[in-house]
PDB file of N, CA and C in Angstrom:
ATOM      1  N   UNK A   1     101.105-113.754  -7.262  1.00  0.00           N
ATOM      2  CA  UNK A   1     102.159-113.764  -8.416  1.00  0.00           C
ATOM      3  C   UNK A   1     101.290-113.497  -9.736  1.00  0.00           C
ATOM      4  N   UNK A   2     102.091-112.786 -10.784  1.00  0.00           N
ATOM      5  CA  UNK A   2     101.358-112.415 -11.911  1.00  0.00           C
ATOM      6  C   UNK A   2     101.464-113.690 -12.771  1.00  0.00           C
ATOM      7  N   UNK A   3     100.611-113.435 -13.728  1.00  0.00           N
ATOM      8  CA  UNK A   3     100.040-114.485 -14.597  1.00  0.00           C
ATOM      9  C   UNK A   3     101.384-115.316 -15.202  1.00  0.00           C
ATOM     10  N   UNK A   4     102.187-114.508 -15.863  1.00  0.00           N
ATOM     11  CA  UNK A   4     103.467-115.031 -16.551  1.00  0.00           C
ATOM     12  C   UNK A   4     104.604-115.273 -15.617  1.00  0.00           C
ATOM     13  N   UNK A   5     104.655-115.272 -14.430  1.00  0.00           N
ATOM     14  CA  UNK A   5     105.886-115.464 -13.616  1.00  0.00           C
ATOM     15  C   UNK A   5     106.098-116.892 -13.739  1.00  0.00           C
ATOM     16  N   UNK A   6     107.681-117.041 -13.495  1.00  0.00           N
ATOM     17  CA  UNK A   6     108.324-118.350 -13.304  1.00  0.00           C
ATOM     18  C   UNK A   6     107.963-118.951 -12.159  1.00  0.00           C
ATOM     19  N   UNK A   7     108.103-120.131 -11.860  1.00  0.00           N
ATOM     20  CA  UNK A   7     107.801-120.729 -10.505  1.00  0.00           C
ATOM     21  C   UNK A   7     108.637-120.002  -9.452  1.00  0.00           C
ATOM     22  N   UNK A   8     109.814-119.822  -9.804  1.00  0.00           N
ATOM     23  CA  UNK A   8     110.776-119.480  -8.723  1.00  0.00           C
ATOM     24  C   UNK A   8     110.684-117.966  -8.425  1.00  0.00           C
ATOM     25  N   UNK A   9     109.685-117.261  -9.238  1.00  0.00           N
ATOM     26  CA  UNK A   9     109.451-115.790  -8.916  1.00  0.00           C
ATOM     27  C   UNK A   9     108.904-115.613  -7.575  1.00  0.00           C
ATOM     28  N   UNK A  10     109.138-114.449  -6.794  1.00  0.00           N
ATOM     29  CA  UNK A  10     108.858-113.946  -5.769  1.00  0.00           C
ATOM     30  C   UNK A  10     107.407-113.897  -5.704  1.00  0.00           C
ATOM     31  N   UNK A  11     106.651-114.236  -4.624  1.00  0.00           N
ATOM     32  CA  UNK A  11     105.259-113.982  -4.640  1.00  0.00           C
ATOM     33  C   UNK A  11     105.150-112.572  -4.328  1.00  0.00           C
ATOM     34  N   UNK A  12     103.924-112.221  -4.707  1.00  0.00           N
ATOM     35  CA  UNK A  12     103.505-110.766  -4.539  1.00  0.00           C
ATOM     36  C   UNK A  12     103.445-110.202  -2.990  1.00  0.00           C
ATOM     37  N   UNK A  13     102.950-111.246  -2.141  1.00  0.00           N
ATOM     38  CA  UNK A  13     102.951-111.056  -0.722  1.00  0.00           C
ATOM     39  C   UNK A  13     104.112-111.203  -0.047  1.00  0.00           C
ATOM     40  N   UNK A  14     104.558-110.642   1.156  1.00  0.00           N
ATOM     41  CA  UNK A  14     105.712-111.077   1.773  1.00  0.00           C
ATOM     42  C   UNK A  14     105.313-112.216   2.750  1.00  0.00           C
ATOM     43  N   UNK A  15     106.188-112.887   3.076  1.00  0.00           N
ATOM     44  CA  UNK A  15     105.827-114.102   3.883  1.00  0.00           C
ATOM     45  C   UNK A  15     105.264-113.726   5.289  1.00  0.00           C
ATOM     46  N   UNK A  16     105.336-112.669   5.785  1.00  0.00           N
ATOM     47  CA  UNK A  16     104.580-112.227   6.950  1.00  0.00           C
ATOM     48  C   UNK A  16     103.472-111.702   6.587  1.00  0.00           C
ATOM     49  N   UNK A  17     102.906-111.038   5.564  1.00  0.00           N
ATOM     50  CA  UNK A  17     101.674-110.607   5.077  1.00  0.00           C
ATOM     51  C   UNK A  17     100.789-111.891   4.582  1.00  0.00           C
ATOM     52  N   UNK A  18     101.509-112.967   3.981  1.00  0.00           N
ATOM     53  CA  UNK A  18     100.533-114.231   3.719  1.00  0.00           C
ATOM     54  C   UNK A  18     100.336-114.949   4.903  1.00  0.00           C
ATOM     55  N   UNK A  19     101.284-114.994   5.937  1.00  0.00           N
ATOM     56  CA  UNK A  19     100.967-115.751   7.059  1.00  0.00           C
ATOM     57  C   UNK A  19      99.791-115.097   8.001  1.00  0.00           C
ATOM     58  N   UNK A  20      99.777-113.671   8.007  1.00  0.00           N
ATOM     59  CA  UNK A  20      98.925-113.059   8.733  1.00  0.00           C
ATOM     60  C   UNK A  20      97.650-113.249   8.134  1.00  0.00           C
ATOM     61  N   UNK A  21      97.413-113.245   6.818  1.00  0.00           N
ATOM     62  CA  UNK A  21      96.147-113.481   6.198  1.00  0.00           C
ATOM     63  C   UNK A  21      95.596-114.959   6.308  1.00  0.00           C
ATOM     64  N   UNK A  22      96.578-115.669   6.222  1.00  0.00           N
ATOM     65  CA  UNK A  22      96.205-117.171   6.481  1.00  0.00           C
ATOM     66  C   UNK A  22      95.804-117.443   7.759  1.00  0.00           C
ATOM     67  N   UNK A  23      96.386-116.959   8.702  1.00  0.00           N
ATOM     68  CA  UNK A  23      95.761-116.935  10.353  1.00  0.00           C
ATOM     69  C   UNK A  23      94.541-116.395  10.341  1.00  0.00           C
ATOM     70  N   UNK A  24      94.085-115.272   9.709  1.00  0.00           N
ATOM     71  CA  UNK A  24      92.724-114.719   9.668  1.00  0.00           C
ATOM     72  C   UNK A  24      91.808-115.721   9.014  1.00  0.00           C
ATOM     73  N   UNK A  25      92.281-116.385   7.745  1.00  0.00           N
ATOM     74  CA  UNK A  25      91.322-117.441   7.095  1.00  0.00           C
ATOM     75  C   UNK A  25      91.122-118.495   8.008  1.00  0.00           C
ATOM     76  N   UNK A  26      92.163-118.875   8.618  1.00  0.00           N
ATOM     77  CA  UNK A  26      91.987-120.140   9.615  1.00  0.00           C
ATOM     78  C   UNK A  26      90.972-119.805  10.633  1.00  0.00           C
ATOM     79  N   UNK A  27      91.040-118.380  11.320  1.00  0.00           N
ATOM     80  CA  UNK A  27      90.208-117.969  12.272  1.00  0.00           C
ATOM     81  C   UNK A  27      88.710-117.922  11.958  1.00  0.00           C
ATOM     82  N   UNK A  28      88.565-117.478  10.596  1.00  0.00           N
ATOM     83  CA  UNK A  28      87.204-117.462  10.073  1.00  0.00           C
ATOM     84  C   UNK A  28      86.580-118.819   9.894  1.00  0.00           C
ATOM     85  N   UNK A  29      87.433-119.623   9.316  1.00  0.00           N
ATOM     86  CA  UNK A  29      86.961-121.240   9.007  1.00  0.00           C
ATOM     87  C   UNK A  29      86.548-121.898  10.330  1.00  0.00           C
ATOM     88  N   UNK A  30      87.597-121.730  11.302  1.00  0.00           N
ATOM     89  CA  UNK A  30      87.038-122.175  13.048  1.00  0.00           C
ATOM     90  C   UNK A  30      86.120-121.639  13.479  1.00  0.00           C
ATOM     91  N   UNK A  31      85.603-120.384  13.185  1.00  0.00           N
ATOM     92  CA  UNK A  31      84.656-119.543  13.790  1.00  0.00           C
ATOM     93  C   UNK A  31      83.096-120.253  13.313  1.00  0.00           C
ATOM     94  N   UNK A  32      83.202-120.329  12.040  1.00  0.00           N
ATOM     95  CA  UNK A  32      82.151-121.245  11.419  1.00  0.00           C
ATOM     96  C   UNK A  32      81.288-119.967  11.120  1.00  0.00           C
ATOM     97  N   UNK A  33      79.858-120.216  10.916  1.00  0.00           N
ATOM     98  CA  UNK A  33      78.846-119.341  10.467  1.00  0.00           C
ATOM     99  C   UNK A  33      78.862-118.699   9.102  1.00  0.00           C
ATOM    100  N   UNK A  34      79.655-119.363   8.295  1.00  0.00           N
ATOM    101  CA  UNK A  34      79.841-118.935   6.975  1.00  0.00           C
ATOM    102  C   UNK A  34      79.048-119.973   5.782  1.00  0.00           C
ATOM    103  N   UNK A  35      78.705-119.580   4.862  1.00  0.00           N
ATOM    104  CA  UNK A  35      77.942-120.435   4.025  1.00  0.00           C
ATOM    105  C   UNK A  35      78.903-121.402   3.337  1.00  0.00           C
ATOM    106  N   UNK A  36      78.417-122.452   2.594  1.00  0.00           N
ATOM    107  CA  UNK A  36      79.402-123.498   2.049  1.00  0.00           C
ATOM    108  C   UNK A  36      80.165-122.854   1.087  1.00  0.00           C
ATOM    109  N   UNK A  37      79.662-121.817   0.396  1.00  0.00           N
ATOM    110  CA  UNK A  37      80.501-121.062  -0.702  1.00  0.00           C
ATOM    111  C   UNK A  37      81.638-120.104  -0.095  1.00  0.00           C
ATOM    112  N   UNK A  38      81.126-119.546   0.872  1.00  0.00           N
ATOM    113  CA  UNK A  38      82.361-118.749   1.681  1.00  0.00           C
ATOM    114  C   UNK A  38      83.200-119.663   2.001  1.00  0.00           C
ATOM    115  N   UNK A  39      82.849-120.721   2.817  1.00  0.00           N
ATOM    116  CA  UNK A  39      83.884-121.752   3.354  1.00  0.00           C
ATOM    117  C   UNK A  39      84.825-122.307   2.269  1.00  0.00           C
ATOM    118  N   UNK A  40      84.290-122.501   1.009  1.00  0.00           N
ATOM    119  CA  UNK A  40      85.186-123.106  -0.004  1.00  0.00           C
ATOM    120  C   UNK A  40      86.066-121.699  -0.432  1.00  0.00           C
ATOM    121  N   UNK A  41      85.582-120.834  -0.651  1.00  0.00           N
ATOM    122  CA  UNK A  41      86.497-119.721  -0.963  1.00  0.00           C
ATOM    123  C   UNK A  41      87.596-119.383  -0.260  1.00  0.00           C
ATOM    124  N   UNK A  42      87.188-119.509   1.240  1.00  0.00           N
ATOM    125  CA  UNK A  42      88.194-119.102   2.267  1.00  0.00           C
ATOM    126  C   UNK A  42      89.301-120.400   2.417  1.00  0.00           C
ATOM    127  N   UNK A  43      88.865-121.551   1.956  1.00  0.00           N
ATOM    128  CA  UNK A  43      89.743-122.754   2.009  1.00  0.00           C
ATOM    129  C   UNK A  43      90.669-122.623   0.566  1.00  0.00           C
ATOM    130  N   UNK A  44      90.123-122.071  -0.510  1.00  0.00           N
ATOM    131  CA  UNK A  44      90.889-121.798  -1.644  1.00  0.00           C
ATOM    132  C   UNK A  44      92.048-120.870  -1.368  1.00  0.00           C
ATOM    133  N   UNK A  45      91.590-119.962  -0.695  1.00  0.00           N
ATOM    134  CA  UNK A  45      92.392-118.798  -0.419  1.00  0.00           C
ATOM    135  C   UNK A  45      93.654-118.955   0.394  1.00  0.00           C
ATOM    136  N   UNK A  46      93.094-119.814   1.426  1.00  0.00           N
ATOM    137  CA  UNK A  46      94.060-120.487   2.356  1.00  0.00           C
ATOM    138  C   UNK A  46      95.025-121.135   1.913  1.00  0.00           C
ATOM    139  N   UNK A  47      94.510-122.122   0.916  1.00  0.00           N
ATOM    140  CA  UNK A  47      95.713-123.053   0.060  1.00  0.00           C
ATOM    141  C   UNK A  47      96.767-122.286  -0.752  1.00  0.00           C
ATOM    142  N   UNK A  48      96.136-121.125  -1.348  1.00  0.00           N
ATOM    143  CA  UNK A  48      96.995-120.116  -2.033  1.00  0.00           C
ATOM    144  C   UNK A  48      98.017-119.453  -0.890  1.00  0.00           C
ATOM    145  N   UNK A  49      97.545-119.046   0.135  1.00  0.00           N
ATOM    146  CA  UNK A  49      98.499-118.404   0.949  1.00  0.00           C
ATOM    147  C   UNK A  49      99.512-119.240   1.491  1.00  0.00           C
ATOM    148  N   UNK A  50      99.025-120.611   1.720  1.00  0.00           N
ATOM    149  CA  UNK A  50      99.979-121.684   2.644  1.00  0.00           C
ATOM    150  C   UNK A  50     101.143-121.954   1.443  1.00  0.00           C
ATOM    151  N   UNK A  51     100.880-121.875   0.087  1.00  0.00           N
ATOM    152  CA  UNK A  51     101.773-121.881  -1.170  1.00  0.00           C
ATOM    153  C   UNK A  51     102.580-121.102  -1.193  1.00  0.00           C
ATOM    154  N   UNK A  52     102.271-119.790  -0.796  1.00  0.00           N
ATOM    155  CA  UNK A  52     102.988-118.481  -0.747  1.00  0.00           C
ATOM    156  C   UNK A  52     104.261-118.571   0.384  1.00  0.00           C
ATOM    157  N   UNK A  53     103.645-119.049   1.645  1.00  0.00           N
ATOM    158  CA  UNK A  53     104.480-119.214   2.753  1.00  0.00           C
ATOM    159  C   UNK A  53     105.385-120.151   2.371  1.00  0.00           C
ATOM    160  N   UNK A  54     105.039-121.217   1.979  1.00  0.00           N
ATOM    161  CA  UNK A  54     105.950-122.711   1.640  1.00  0.00           C
ATOM    162  C   UNK A  54     107.127-122.001   0.626  1.00  0.00           C
ATOM    163  N   UNK A  55     106.550-121.139  -0.511  1.00  0.00           N
ATOM    164  CA  UNK A  55     107.656-120.688  -1.407  1.00  0.00           C
ATOM    165  C   UNK A  55     108.745-119.867  -0.851  1.00  0.00           C
ATOM    166  N   UNK A  56     108.293-118.997   0.062  1.00  0.00           N
ATOM    167  CA  UNK A  56     109.119-118.186   0.978  1.00  0.00           C
ATOM    168  C   UNK A  56     110.079-119.007   1.647  1.00  0.00           C
ATOM    169  N   UNK A  57     109.397-119.838   2.509  1.00  0.00           N
ATOM    170  CA  UNK A  57     110.463-120.566   3.113  1.00  0.00           C
ATOM    171  C   UNK A  57     111.275-121.479   2.594  1.00  0.00           C
ATOM    172  N   UNK A  58     110.822-122.126   1.328  1.00  0.00           N
ATOM    173  CA  UNK A  58     111.870-122.946   0.715  1.00  0.00           C
ATOM    174  C   UNK A  58     113.074-122.102   0.077  1.00  0.00           C
ATOM    175  N   UNK A  59     112.549-120.831  -0.546  1.00  0.00           N
ATOM    176  CA  UNK A  59     113.784-119.712  -0.900  1.00  0.00           C
ATOM    177  C   UNK A  59     114.676-119.523   0.342  1.00  0.00           C
ATOM    178  N   UNK A  60     114.158-119.395   1.560  1.00  0.00           N
ATOM    179  CA  UNK A  60     115.060-119.079   2.671  1.00  0.00           C
ATOM    180  C   UNK A  60     115.756-120.363   2.901  1.00  0.00           C
ATOM    181  N   UNK A  61     115.561-121.489   2.822  1.00  0.00           N
ATOM    182  CA  UNK A  61     116.268-122.408   2.987  1.00  0.00           C
ATOM    183  C   UNK A  61     117.311-122.737   1.928  1.00  0.00           C
ATOM    184  N   UNK A  62     117.021-122.616   0.786  1.00  0.00           N
ATOM    185  CA  UNK A  62     117.795-122.541  -0.384  1.00  0.00           C
ATOM    186  C   UNK A  62     119.009-121.241   0.110  1.00  0.00           C
ATOM    187  N   UNK A  63     118.607-120.275   0.119  1.00  0.00           N
ATOM    188  CA  UNK A  63     119.650-119.179   0.390  1.00  0.00           C
ATOM    189  C   UNK A  63     120.566-119.617   1.573  1.00  0.00           C
ATOM    190  N   UNK A  64     120.245-120.056   2.797  1.00  0.00           N
ATOM    191  CA  UNK A  64     120.973-120.382   3.933  1.00  0.00           C
ATOM    192  C   UNK A  64     121.875-121.723   3.376  1.00  0.00           C
ATOM    193  N   UNK A  65     121.452-122.627   2.606  1.00  0.00           N
ATOM    194  CA  UNK A  65     122.327-123.802   2.330  1.00  0.00           C
ATOM    195  C   UNK A  65     123.375-123.262   1.471  1.00  0.00           C
ATOM    196  N   UNK A  66     123.064-122.236   0.199  1.00  0.00           N
ATOM    197  CA  UNK A  66     124.073-121.670  -0.554  1.00  0.00           C
ATOM    198  C   UNK A  66     125.068-120.840   0.439  1.00  0.00           C
ATOM    199  N   UNK A  67     124.724-120.216   1.354  1.00  0.00           N
ATOM    200  CA  UNK A  67     125.721-119.595   2.390  1.00  0.00           C
ATOM    201  C   UNK A  67     126.319-120.409   3.152  1.00  0.00           C
ATOM    202  N   UNK A  68     125.806-121.260   3.568  1.00  0.00           N
ATOM    203  CA  UNK A  68     126.637-122.208   4.444  1.00  0.00           C
ATOM    204  C   UNK A  68     127.854-123.033   3.456  1.00  0.00           C
ATOM    205  N   UNK A  69     127.229-123.108   2.099  1.00  0.00           N
ATOM    206  CA  UNK A  69     128.162-124.050   1.232  1.00  0.00           C
ATOM    207  C   UNK A  69     129.350-123.079   0.910  1.00  0.00           C
ATOM    208  N   UNK A  70     129.165-121.768   0.902  1.00  0.00           N
ATOM    209  CA  UNK A  70     129.938-120.676   0.672  1.00  0.00           C
ATOM    210  C   UNK A  70     130.906-120.628   1.682  1.00  0.00           C
ATOM    211  N   UNK A  71     130.408-120.579   2.793  1.00  0.00           N
ATOM    212  CA  UNK A  71     131.256-120.377   4.131  1.00  0.00           C
ATOM    213  C   UNK A  71     131.998-121.856   4.297  1.00  0.00           C
ATOM    214  N   UNK A  72     131.774-122.842   3.974  1.00  0.00           N
ATOM    215  CA  UNK A  72     132.701-124.096   3.985  1.00  0.00           C
ATOM    216  C   UNK A  72     133.828-123.938   2.971  1.00  0.00           C
ATOM    217  N   UNK A  73     133.291-123.584   1.897  1.00  0.00           N
ATOM    218  CA  UNK A  73     134.248-123.569   0.849  1.00  0.00           C
ATOM    219  C   UNK A  73     135.471-122.393   1.226  1.00  0.00           C
ATOM    220  N   UNK A  74     135.096-121.369   1.584  1.00  0.00           N
ATOM    221  CA  UNK A  74     136.196-120.413   2.177  1.00  0.00           C
ATOM    222  C   UNK A  74     137.070-120.987   3.555  1.00  0.00           C
ATOM    223  N   UNK A  75     136.273-121.697   4.113  1.00  0.00           N
ATOM    224  CA  UNK A  75     136.995-122.583   5.254  1.00  0.00           C
ATOM    225  C   UNK A  75     138.189-123.345   4.835  1.00  0.00           C
ATOM    226  N   UNK A  76     137.800-124.249   3.752  1.00  0.00           N
ATOM    227  CA  UNK A  76     138.589-125.310   3.259  1.00  0.00           C
ATOM    228  C   UNK A  76     139.767-124.511   2.354  1.00  0.00           C
TER     229      UNK A  76
END
């Protein structure tokens, strides 16, 4: 996200891109062989990527709830 982005702004990465990179970060951490500093940097990146994925999922849930509510209004 950009520095001045609003919290509801879309992340720079798509959900799929963030998830794919997160899987790679986890793989590297599980494989070991990195320095403490490298591990911390990977962990921090993983946290950022997990937040990005959660933002996408929260947005999708909100859109689904709005669509369901609109559909129910039409049905009534």
